[in-house]
N, C-alpha and C. Protein backbone atom coordinates (compact mmCIF):
# COMPACT_ATOMS: atom_id res chain seq x y z
N MET A 1 1.38 -1.57 0.16
CA MET A 1 0.46 0.57 0.19
C MET A 1 0.85 1.20 0.12
N THR A 2 0.42 1.57 -0.43
CA THR A 2 1.32 3.11 -1.28
C THR A 2 0.32 4.58 -1.07
N ASP A 3 1.13 5.91 -1.32
CA ASP A 3 -0.29 6.89 -1.27
C ASP A 3 -0.70 6.33 -2.34
N ASP A 4 0.78 5.85 -3.15
CA ASP A 4 -0.15 6.75 -4.98
C ASP A 4 -0.97 5.16 -5.02
N SER A 5 -2.10 4.69 -4.69
CA SER A 5 -2.25 2.82 -4.86
C SER A 5 -4.03 3.63 -3.71
N TYR A 6 -5.20 3.10 -4.80
CA TYR A 6 -6.53 2.55 -4.43
C TYR A 6 -6.84 1.83 -4.69
N VAL A 7 -8.32 1.98 -3.77
CA VAL A 7 -9.31 0.66 -4.21
C VAL A 7 -10.38 1.71 -5.46
N VAL A 8 -10.85 1.04 -6.61
CA VAL A 8 -11.67 1.52 -7.21
C VAL A 8 -12.89 0.84 -7.31
N TYR A 9 -13.83 1.29 -7.74
CA TYR A 9 -15.23 0.67 -7.90
C TYR A 9 -15.66 1.04 -9.20
N ALA A 10 -15.76 0.40 -10.71
CA ALA A 10 -16.75 0.60 -11.28
C ALA A 10 -18.43 -0.33 -11.66
N CYS A 11 -18.80 0.90 -11.55
CA CYS A 11 -20.42 0.61 -12.51
C CYS A 11 -19.94 -0.22 -13.80
N PHE A 12 -21.07 -0.99 -14.40
CA PHE A 12 -21.77 -1.62 -15.11
C PHE A 12 -22.38 -1.84 -15.74
N SER A 13 -22.71 -2.70 -16.52
CA SER A 13 -24.03 -3.46 -17.17
C SER A 13 -23.28 -4.36 -17.64
N TYR A 14 -23.49 -5.50 -17.56
CA TYR A 14 -23.54 -7.25 -18.55
C TYR A 14 -24.25 -6.91 -19.60
N ILE A 15 -24.41 -7.21 -20.41
CA ILE A 15 -25.25 -7.58 -21.57
C ILE A 15 -25.34 -8.98 -21.86
N CYS A 16 -26.88 -9.93 -21.03
CA CYS A 16 -27.33 -11.40 -21.37
C CYS A 16 -27.30 -11.78 -23.25
N GLN A 17 -27.49 -12.71 -23.05
CA GLN A 17 -27.61 -13.19 -24.78
C GLN A 17 -28.40 -13.51 -25.24
N GLY A 18 -29.22 -13.46 -25.61
CA GLY A 18 -31.02 -13.47 -25.85
C GLY A 18 -31.43 -12.17 -24.46
N VAL A 19 -30.85 -11.18 -24.50
CA VAL A 19 -31.82 -10.18 -22.86
C VAL A 19 -32.13 -9.26 -23.60
N GLU A 20 -32.84 -7.93 -23.97
CA GLU A 20 -32.98 -6.68 -23.41
C GLU A 20 -32.44 -5.91 -23.22
N THR A 21 -32.67 -6.57 -22.07
CA THR A 21 -32.46 -5.70 -20.30
C THR A 21 -30.86 -5.62 -20.13
N LYS A 22 -29.66 -4.45 -19.81
CA LYS A 22 -28.52 -4.21 -19.06
C LYS A 22 -28.77 -5.77 -17.89
N ALA A 23 -28.29 -6.12 -16.81
CA ALA A 23 -27.50 -6.37 -15.72
C ALA A 23 -27.21 -5.56 -15.36
N PRO A 24 -26.96 -4.32 -14.32
CA PRO A 24 -26.53 -3.42 -13.59
C PRO A 24 -25.22 -4.66 -12.31
N ALA A 25 -24.20 -3.76 -12.40
CA ALA A 25 -22.89 -5.08 -11.65
C ALA A 25 -22.02 -3.77 -10.86
N LEU A 26 -21.28 -4.34 -10.29
CA LEU A 26 -20.21 -3.17 -9.98
C LEU A 26 -18.70 -4.23 -9.98
N THR A 27 -18.07 -3.36 -9.62
CA THR A 27 -16.70 -4.15 -8.87
C THR A 27 -15.74 -3.52 -9.30
N GLN A 28 -14.35 -4.77 -8.00
CA GLN A 28 -13.21 -4.10 -7.61
C GLN A 28 -12.43 -3.29 -7.65
N PHE A 29 -11.85 -3.02 -7.76
CA PHE A 29 -9.91 -2.77 -9.16
C PHE A 29 -8.89 -2.51 -7.22
N TYR A 30 -8.19 -2.55 -7.40
CA TYR A 30 -6.81 -2.12 -6.83
C TYR A 30 -5.57 -1.69 -8.07
N VAL A 31 -5.02 0.03 -7.27
CA VAL A 31 -5.21 0.00 -8.40
C VAL A 31 -3.50 1.35 -8.20
N TYR A 32 -2.61 1.52 -9.34
CA TYR A 32 -1.32 1.93 -8.52
C TYR A 32 -0.60 2.73 -9.42
N LYS A 33 0.09 3.97 -8.93
CA LYS A 33 0.89 4.13 -10.53
C LYS A 33 2.32 4.11 -10.75
N ASN A 34 2.98 3.53 -11.29
CA ASN A 34 4.06 2.34 -11.78
C ASN A 34 5.31 3.68 -11.66
N SER A 35 6.10 3.59 -11.86
CA SER A 35 7.66 3.67 -12.08
C SER A 35 7.36 5.07 -13.06
N GLU A 36 6.13 4.96 -14.48
CA GLU A 36 6.54 5.35 -15.45
C GLU A 36 5.48 6.55 -14.90
N GLY A 37 4.50 6.51 -13.72
CA GLY A 37 3.57 7.73 -14.01
C GLY A 37 2.50 7.06 -14.31
N ASN A 38 2.30 5.88 -14.91
CA ASN A 38 0.90 5.78 -15.18
C ASN A 38 -0.15 4.69 -14.12
N TRP A 39 -1.04 5.03 -14.37
CA TRP A 39 -1.86 4.14 -13.43
C TRP A 39 -2.58 2.86 -13.83
N VAL A 40 -2.07 1.27 -13.16
CA VAL A 40 -2.65 0.47 -13.28
C VAL A 40 -3.02 -0.49 -12.10
N ILE A 41 -3.54 -1.31 -13.34
CA ILE A 41 -4.24 -2.27 -12.12
C ILE A 41 -4.24 -3.84 -11.45
N ASN A 42 -3.59 -3.53 -10.72
CA ASN A 42 -2.78 -4.74 -9.81
C ASN A 42 -4.03 -6.13 -10.19
N ASN A 43 -4.18 -6.60 -10.22
CA ASN A 43 -4.73 -7.96 -10.60
C ASN A 43 -5.16 -9.05 -9.85
N GLY A 44 -3.13 -9.09 -9.37
CA GLY A 44 -3.06 -10.21 -8.55
C GLY A 44 -3.49 -9.46 -7.05
N ALA A 45 -3.89 -8.41 -6.94
CA ALA A 45 -3.92 -7.66 -5.63
C ALA A 45 -4.36 -7.96 -4.06
N LEU A 46 -5.17 -9.37 -4.50
CA LEU A 46 -5.67 -10.38 -3.63
C LEU A 46 -5.24 -11.55 -3.29
N GLN A 47 -3.85 -11.63 -3.93
CA GLN A 47 -2.77 -12.30 -3.10
C GLN A 47 -1.58 -12.10 -2.47
N ASP A 48 -2.22 -10.18 -1.91
CA ASP A 48 -1.18 -9.10 -1.08
C ASP A 48 -2.59 -9.46 0.09
N SER A 49 -1.58 -10.74 1.06
CA SER A 49 -2.80 -10.45 2.50
C SER A 49 -3.41 -9.09 2.91
N GLU A 50 -2.32 -8.19 2.82
CA GLU A 50 -1.81 -6.94 3.04
C GLU A 50 -3.64 -5.97 2.75
N ILE A 51 -3.10 -5.89 0.85
CA ILE A 51 -3.92 -5.69 0.22
C ILE A 51 -5.63 -6.04 0.29
N SER A 52 -5.24 -7.46 0.12
CA SER A 52 -6.94 -7.97 0.54
C SER A 52 -7.81 -7.59 1.80
N ALA A 53 -6.76 -7.90 2.19
CA ALA A 53 -7.78 -7.01 4.19
C ALA A 53 -8.32 -6.08 3.76
N TYR A 54 -7.69 -4.75 3.65
CA TYR A 54 -7.57 -4.15 2.89
C TYR A 54 -8.97 -3.75 2.59
N MET A 55 -8.73 -4.04 1.29
CA MET A 55 -9.86 -4.09 -0.21
C MET A 55 -11.42 -4.51 0.81
N GLU A 56 -10.90 -6.23 1.52
CA GLU A 56 -12.58 -6.34 2.19
C GLU A 56 -12.77 -5.64 3.29
N LYS A 57 -12.57 -4.24 3.71
CA LYS A 57 -12.75 -3.19 4.91
C LYS A 57 -13.16 -2.38 3.99
N GLN A 58 -12.80 -1.82 2.39
CA GLN A 58 -13.60 -0.36 2.47
C GLN A 58 -15.11 -1.09 2.15
N LEU A 59 -14.63 -2.57 1.75
CA LEU A 59 -16.39 -3.50 1.94
C LEU A 59 -17.77 -2.92 2.62
N SER A 60 -17.45 -2.11 4.02
CA SER A 60 -17.94 -1.72 4.96
C SER A 60 -18.09 0.01 5.09
N ASP A 61 -17.61 0.70 4.44
CA ASP A 61 -17.48 1.93 3.93
C ASP A 61 -18.24 2.47 3.20
N SER A 62 -18.97 3.21 4.76
CA SER A 62 -20.38 3.98 4.04
C SER A 62 -21.02 4.18 3.09
N ASP A 63 -19.83 4.97 2.19
CA ASP A 63 -20.33 5.15 0.99
C ASP A 63 -20.14 4.05 -0.30
N VAL A 64 -19.29 3.54 0.78
CA VAL A 64 -18.85 2.52 -0.28
C VAL A 64 -20.60 0.74 -0.47
N SER A 65 -20.71 1.00 0.68
CA SER A 65 -22.15 0.17 1.06
C SER A 65 -23.39 0.95 -0.17
N ALA A 66 -23.34 2.58 0.13
CA ALA A 66 -24.38 3.14 -0.12
C ALA A 66 -24.21 2.18 -1.83
N LEU A 67 -23.20 2.31 -2.45
CA LEU A 67 -22.83 2.22 -3.77
C LEU A 67 -23.01 0.53 -4.04
N ILE A 68 -22.87 0.00 -3.04
CA ILE A 68 -23.33 -1.26 -3.43
C ILE A 68 -24.80 -1.56 -3.42
N LYS A 69 -25.46 -1.10 -1.67
CA LYS A 69 -27.02 -1.36 -2.46
C LYS A 69 -27.83 -0.16 -3.77
N LYS A 70 -27.07 0.36 -4.03
CA LYS A 70 -28.02 1.05 -5.13
C LYS A 70 -27.62 0.48 -6.07
N VAL A 71 -26.26 -0.10 -6.68
CA VAL A 71 -26.37 -0.87 -7.72
C VAL A 71 -26.93 -2.38 -7.73
N GLN A 72 -27.29 -2.75 -6.62
CA GLN A 72 -28.83 -4.04 -6.28
C GLN A 72 -29.57 -3.31 -6.54
N ASN A 73 -29.98 -2.20 -6.00
CA ASN A 73 -30.79 -1.87 -6.48
C ASN A 73 -31.70 -1.92 -7.54
N GLU A 74 -30.98 -1.51 -8.64
CA GLU A 74 -30.74 -0.70 -9.76
C GLU A 74 -30.99 -2.52 -10.93
N LEU A 75 -30.27 -3.90 -9.97
CA LEU A 75 -30.64 -5.30 -10.59
C LEU A 75 -31.45 -5.44 -10.25
N ASP A 76 -32.60 -5.23 -8.46
CA ASP A 76 -33.16 -6.04 -8.72
C ASP A 76 -35.03 -5.08 -9.07
N GLN A 77 -34.72 -4.48 -9.94
CA GLN A 77 -35.38 -3.33 -10.91
C GLN A 77 -35.48 -3.40 -11.83
N ALA A 78 -33.88 -3.96 -12.90
CA ALA A 78 -33.98 -5.13 -13.69
C ALA A 78 -33.94 -6.17 -14.10
N GLN A 79 -34.53 -6.99 -12.59
CA GLN A 79 -35.67 -7.99 -13.12
C GLN A 79 -36.44 -8.34 -12.80
N GLN A 80 -37.58 -7.42 -12.35
CA GLN A 80 -38.47 -6.92 -11.73
C GLN A 80 -38.98 -6.02 -13.30
N SER A 81 -38.09 -5.95 -14.24
CA SER A 81 -38.94 -5.04 -15.38
C SER A 81 -38.78 -6.17 -16.13
N ASP A 82 -37.73 -6.88 -16.40
CA ASP A 82 -37.30 -7.95 -17.04
C ASP A 82 -37.92 -9.61 -17.22
N PRO A 83 -38.64 -10.27 -16.67
CA PRO A 83 -38.44 -11.84 -16.13
C PRO A 83 -37.91 -12.64 -17.26
N SER A 84 -37.49 -12.27 -18.52
CA SER A 84 -36.61 -12.48 -19.00
C SER A 84 -34.66 -13.03 -18.17
N LEU A 85 -34.15 -11.10 -18.07
CA LEU A 85 -32.94 -10.96 -17.34
C LEU A 85 -33.13 -12.50 -15.96
N GLU A 86 -34.68 -12.29 -15.13
CA GLU A 86 -34.05 -12.68 -14.70
C GLU A 86 -34.25 -14.21 -14.56
N GLU A 87 -34.75 -14.26 -15.11
CA GLU A 87 -34.65 -16.19 -15.68
C GLU A 87 -33.55 -16.03 -15.89
N PHE A 88 -32.48 -15.50 -16.60
CA PHE A 88 -31.55 -15.88 -16.92
C PHE A 88 -30.76 -15.55 -15.64
N LEU A 89 -30.73 -14.83 -15.08
CA LEU A 89 -29.59 -14.37 -13.85
C LEU A 89 -29.83 -16.10 -13.49
N ASN A 90 -31.28 -16.40 -12.65
CA ASN A 90 -31.53 -17.80 -12.22
C ASN A 90 -30.81 -18.72 -12.60
N GLY A 91 -30.52 -18.92 -13.86
CA GLY A 91 -30.42 -19.86 -14.52
C GLY A 91 -28.46 -20.17 -14.05
N LEU A 92 -28.25 -19.17 -13.90
CA LEU A 92 -26.62 -19.48 -14.79
C LEU A 92 -26.21 -20.48 -12.61
N GLY A 93 -25.43 -20.58 -13.67
CA GLY A 93 -24.46 -21.93 -12.29
C GLY A 93 -25.46 -23.38 -12.97
N GLU A 94 -27.20 -23.34 -13.63
CA GLU A 94 -26.70 -24.60 -13.62
C GLU A 94 -25.63 -25.57 -14.82
N GLU A 95 -25.59 -24.72 -15.70
CA GLU A 95 -24.90 -26.35 -16.31
C GLU A 95 -23.84 -26.63 -16.03
N ALA A 96 -23.75 -26.19 -15.09
CA ALA A 96 -22.01 -26.45 -13.66
C ALA A 96 -21.84 -27.37 -13.93
N GLY A 97 -22.91 -28.82 -12.96
CA GLY A 97 -22.93 -30.02 -13.53
C GLY A 97 -21.74 -30.27 -15.07
N VAL A 98 -22.40 -29.72 -16.42
CA VAL A 98 -21.42 -30.27 -17.16
C VAL A 98 -19.68 -30.67 -17.39
N SER A 99 -19.49 -29.45 -16.17
CA SER A 99 -17.44 -29.51 -16.70
C SER A 99 -17.41 -30.46 -15.35
N THR A 100 -18.32 -30.64 -14.42
CA THR A 100 -18.10 -31.43 -12.99
C THR A 100 -18.32 -32.79 -12.82
N GLU A 101 -18.14 -33.04 -14.30
CA GLU A 101 -19.39 -34.47 -14.35
C GLU A 101 -18.69 -34.70 -15.45
N ALA A 102 -17.78 -34.30 -16.11
CA ALA A 102 -16.68 -34.80 -17.49
C ALA A 102 -16.31 -35.15 -16.85
N GLU A 103 -15.39 -36.48 -17.57
CA GLU A 103 -14.43 -37.24 -17.33
C GLU A 103 -12.51 -36.36 -16.75
N ASP A 104 -11.96 -36.78 -16.17
CA ASP A 104 -10.91 -36.72 -15.87
C ASP A 104 -9.96 -36.31 -16.91
N GLY A 105 -8.82 -35.11 -17.26
CA GLY A 105 -8.31 -35.50 -18.20
C GLY A 105 -8.99 -34.94 -19.61
N THR A 106 -10.56 -34.28 -19.84
CA THR A 106 -11.05 -33.41 -20.57
C THR A 106 -10.54 -32.09 -20.63
N MET A 107 -10.56 -31.41 -21.56
CA MET A 107 -9.94 -30.12 -22.42
C MET A 107 -12.01 -29.79 -22.19
N LEU A 108 -11.64 -28.58 -20.88
CA LEU A 108 -12.38 -27.43 -20.38
C LEU A 108 -12.10 -26.49 -21.17
N THR A 109 -13.14 -24.96 -21.65
CA THR A 109 -13.12 -23.28 -21.70
C THR A 109 -14.05 -23.06 -20.85
N ALA A 110 -12.71 -21.97 -20.41
CA ALA A 110 -13.22 -21.07 -20.24
C ALA A 110 -14.96 -20.23 -20.85
N SER A 111 -15.31 -19.76 -20.00
CA SER A 111 -16.75 -19.12 -20.78
C SER A 111 -16.67 -17.89 -20.35
N GLU A 112 -15.86 -17.69 -19.47
CA GLU A 112 -15.38 -15.85 -19.22
C GLU A 112 -14.02 -16.17 -18.63
N GLU A 113 -13.87 -14.33 -18.08
CA GLU A 113 -12.34 -14.64 -17.27
C GLU A 113 -12.61 -15.43 -15.64
N CYS A 114 -11.98 -16.08 -15.07
CA CYS A 114 -12.10 -16.48 -13.81
C CYS A 114 -10.51 -17.09 -13.27
N ASN A 115 -10.59 -17.26 -11.52
CA ASN A 115 -9.60 -16.65 -11.16
C ASN A 115 -9.04 -18.20 -11.04
N VAL A 116 -8.54 -18.30 -10.30
CA VAL A 116 -7.30 -20.55 -9.86
C VAL A 116 -7.34 -19.68 -8.68
N ARG A 117 -7.45 -21.22 -8.30
CA ARG A 117 -7.89 -20.88 -6.55
C ARG A 117 -6.96 -22.07 -6.01
N ALA A 118 -6.76 -21.47 -4.96
CA ALA A 118 -4.79 -22.73 -4.62
C ALA A 118 -6.57 -23.46 -3.97
N GLU A 119 -7.43 -23.53 -3.22
CA GLU A 119 -8.25 -24.66 -2.70
C GLU A 119 -9.59 -24.35 -3.80
N ALA A 120 -10.07 -25.75 -3.36
CA ALA A 120 -11.85 -25.19 -3.47
C ALA A 120 -12.69 -24.70 -3.23
N SER A 121 -12.34 -23.43 -2.70
CA SER A 121 -13.82 -22.26 -1.46
C SER A 121 -12.96 -21.05 -2.32
N THR A 122 -13.70 -19.95 -1.94
CA THR A 122 -14.04 -18.83 -2.88
C THR A 122 -13.04 -18.74 -1.68
N ASP A 123 -12.84 -18.75 -0.35
CA ASP A 123 -12.54 -17.89 0.29
C ASP A 123 -10.15 -17.96 -0.24
N ALA A 124 -10.58 -19.22 -0.98
CA ALA A 124 -8.91 -19.64 -1.28
C ALA A 124 -8.24 -18.53 -2.49
N ASP A 125 -6.68 -18.69 -1.96
CA ASP A 125 -6.15 -17.56 -2.26
C ASP A 125 -6.39 -18.15 -3.58
N ILE A 126 -5.97 -16.97 -4.77
CA ILE A 126 -5.62 -16.52 -6.16
C ILE A 126 -4.54 -17.10 -6.23
N LEU A 127 -4.29 -18.38 -7.68
CA LEU A 127 -3.05 -18.45 -7.73
C LEU A 127 -3.00 -17.87 -8.77
N GLY A 128 -4.37 -17.24 -9.80
CA GLY A 128 -3.91 -16.28 -11.28
C GLY A 128 -5.30 -16.71 -11.15
N VAL A 129 -4.98 -16.58 -12.93
CA VAL A 129 -6.66 -16.14 -13.90
C VAL A 129 -6.05 -16.09 -14.80
N ILE A 130 -7.30 -16.57 -15.43
CA ILE A 130 -7.50 -17.25 -17.40
C ILE A 130 -8.39 -16.50 -17.66
N SER A 131 -8.45 -16.21 -19.48
CA SER A 131 -9.37 -15.74 -20.08
C SER A 131 -10.53 -16.59 -20.43
N ALA A 132 -11.23 -15.87 -21.35
CA ALA A 132 -12.27 -16.83 -21.44
C ALA A 132 -11.76 -16.94 -22.91
N GLY A 133 -11.96 -18.50 -22.91
CA GLY A 133 -11.49 -19.29 -24.80
C GLY A 133 -10.39 -19.43 -24.38
N ASP A 134 -10.30 -19.60 -23.10
CA ASP A 134 -8.80 -20.66 -22.28
C ASP A 134 -8.43 -22.23 -22.32
N GLN A 135 -8.15 -22.85 -22.29
CA GLN A 135 -8.73 -24.34 -22.12
C GLN A 135 -8.06 -24.99 -20.62
N VAL A 136 -8.47 -25.30 -20.09
CA VAL A 136 -7.51 -26.60 -19.12
C VAL A 136 -8.25 -27.40 -19.08
N GLN A 137 -6.85 -28.32 -18.53
CA GLN A 137 -7.11 -29.91 -18.71
C GLN A 137 -8.06 -30.25 -17.43
N LYS A 138 -8.93 -31.05 -16.59
CA LYS A 138 -9.42 -31.80 -15.91
C LYS A 138 -8.91 -32.80 -15.06
N THR A 139 -8.37 -32.23 -13.89
CA THR A 139 -7.41 -33.70 -13.29
C THR A 139 -8.28 -34.65 -12.24
N GLY A 140 -9.70 -34.16 -11.54
CA GLY A 140 -10.21 -33.75 -10.90
C GLY A 140 -11.80 -33.36 -10.55
N THR A 141 -12.06 -33.27 -9.86
CA THR A 141 -13.06 -32.56 -8.86
C THR A 141 -14.03 -32.65 -7.19
N ASP A 142 -13.92 -31.83 -7.35
CA ASP A 142 -14.25 -31.11 -5.42
C ASP A 142 -15.36 -30.30 -5.07
N GLY A 143 -16.58 -30.61 -5.12
CA GLY A 143 -17.27 -30.24 -5.17
C GLY A 143 -18.54 -30.08 -6.33
N GLU A 144 -18.46 -28.65 -6.45
CA GLU A 144 -18.55 -28.06 -7.47
C GLU A 144 -17.57 -27.29 -8.44
N TRP A 145 -16.51 -27.58 -7.71
CA TRP A 145 -15.60 -27.06 -8.54
C TRP A 145 -14.69 -28.29 -9.41
N VAL A 146 -14.33 -28.15 -10.35
CA VAL A 146 -13.14 -28.29 -11.06
C VAL A 146 -11.22 -28.11 -10.91
N GLN A 147 -10.42 -29.12 -10.93
CA GLN A 147 -9.88 -29.66 -9.63
C GLN A 147 -8.10 -29.64 -11.39
N ILE A 148 -7.75 -28.81 -11.60
CA ILE A 148 -6.94 -28.43 -12.74
C ILE A 148 -5.37 -28.50 -12.03
N ASP A 149 -4.28 -27.97 -13.00
CA ASP A 149 -2.86 -28.42 -13.55
C ASP A 149 -2.63 -26.50 -13.80
N TYR A 150 -2.44 -25.60 -12.79
CA TYR A 150 -2.27 -24.56 -12.73
C TYR A 150 -0.66 -24.11 -12.90
N ASP A 151 -0.12 -24.14 -14.43
CA ASP A 151 1.45 -23.85 -13.91
C ASP A 151 2.42 -24.93 -12.52
N GLY A 152 2.07 -26.20 -12.50
CA GLY A 152 2.81 -27.00 -11.95
C GLY A 152 1.66 -26.74 -9.98
N GLN A 153 1.44 -26.59 -10.24
CA GLN A 153 0.36 -26.43 -8.77
C GLN A 153 -1.11 -27.13 -9.60
N THR A 154 -2.06 -27.32 -7.80
CA THR A 154 -2.93 -27.82 -7.94
C THR A 154 -3.90 -26.88 -8.31
N GLY A 155 -4.73 -26.08 -9.21
CA GLY A 155 -5.32 -24.98 -8.28
C GLY A 155 -7.09 -25.45 -9.03
N TYR A 156 -8.18 -24.65 -8.15
CA TYR A 156 -9.95 -25.04 -8.76
C TYR A 156 -10.11 -23.91 -9.40
N ILE A 157 -11.35 -24.13 -10.08
CA ILE A 157 -12.24 -23.20 -11.03
C ILE A 157 -13.81 -23.14 -10.03
N ARG A 158 -14.24 -22.60 -10.16
CA ARG A 158 -15.62 -23.31 -10.44
C ARG A 158 -16.18 -23.98 -11.71
N GLY A 159 -17.02 -24.75 -10.88
CA GLY A 159 -17.68 -25.50 -12.50
C GLY A 159 -17.85 -24.87 -13.44
N ASP A 160 -18.92 -23.31 -12.85
CA ASP A 160 -19.82 -23.05 -13.01
C ASP A 160 -19.09 -21.97 -14.48
N LEU A 161 -17.80 -21.83 -14.90
CA LEU A 161 -17.22 -20.90 -15.35
C LEU A 161 -16.33 -21.80 -16.63
N LEU A 162 -16.24 -23.44 -16.12
CA LEU A 162 -16.84 -24.01 -17.43
C LEU A 162 -16.98 -24.85 -18.09
N GLU A 163 -16.53 -24.87 -19.61
CA GLU A 163 -17.82 -25.36 -20.42
C GLU A 163 -16.72 -26.70 -21.35
């Protein structure tokens, strides 16, 4: 953490295939100024326990809580106004069984950018990130998580993020 580093929140809208209404969303980034004076997003920030704890603490800040509530309300309203959006969002993860039930050794494709975790948990350390379209070889399953080999380490990706 430096004087030239910040936690930044970005509001955006997902465009869901076959759905006219956009889905409001919010994400959190850790940014810093590099040696050339350019602002950079640190995609590995959550691997640093100090930065990760700071980012987690920021979620309870009153301004951040208000922003989270605002975006959640916008998403709730969008789903109420468009049943097809609600149906789409409620159906996310229903195909998780496809990747978790695949044979070990099967090549699976990431449907979106996703974290590779050290354990089968959203609380586990992030080993890295794979991009949409990247292929990984399944080496096992742990509940709804697919086990892979990631740079010589055992890694886990949520099954609903692979097809």
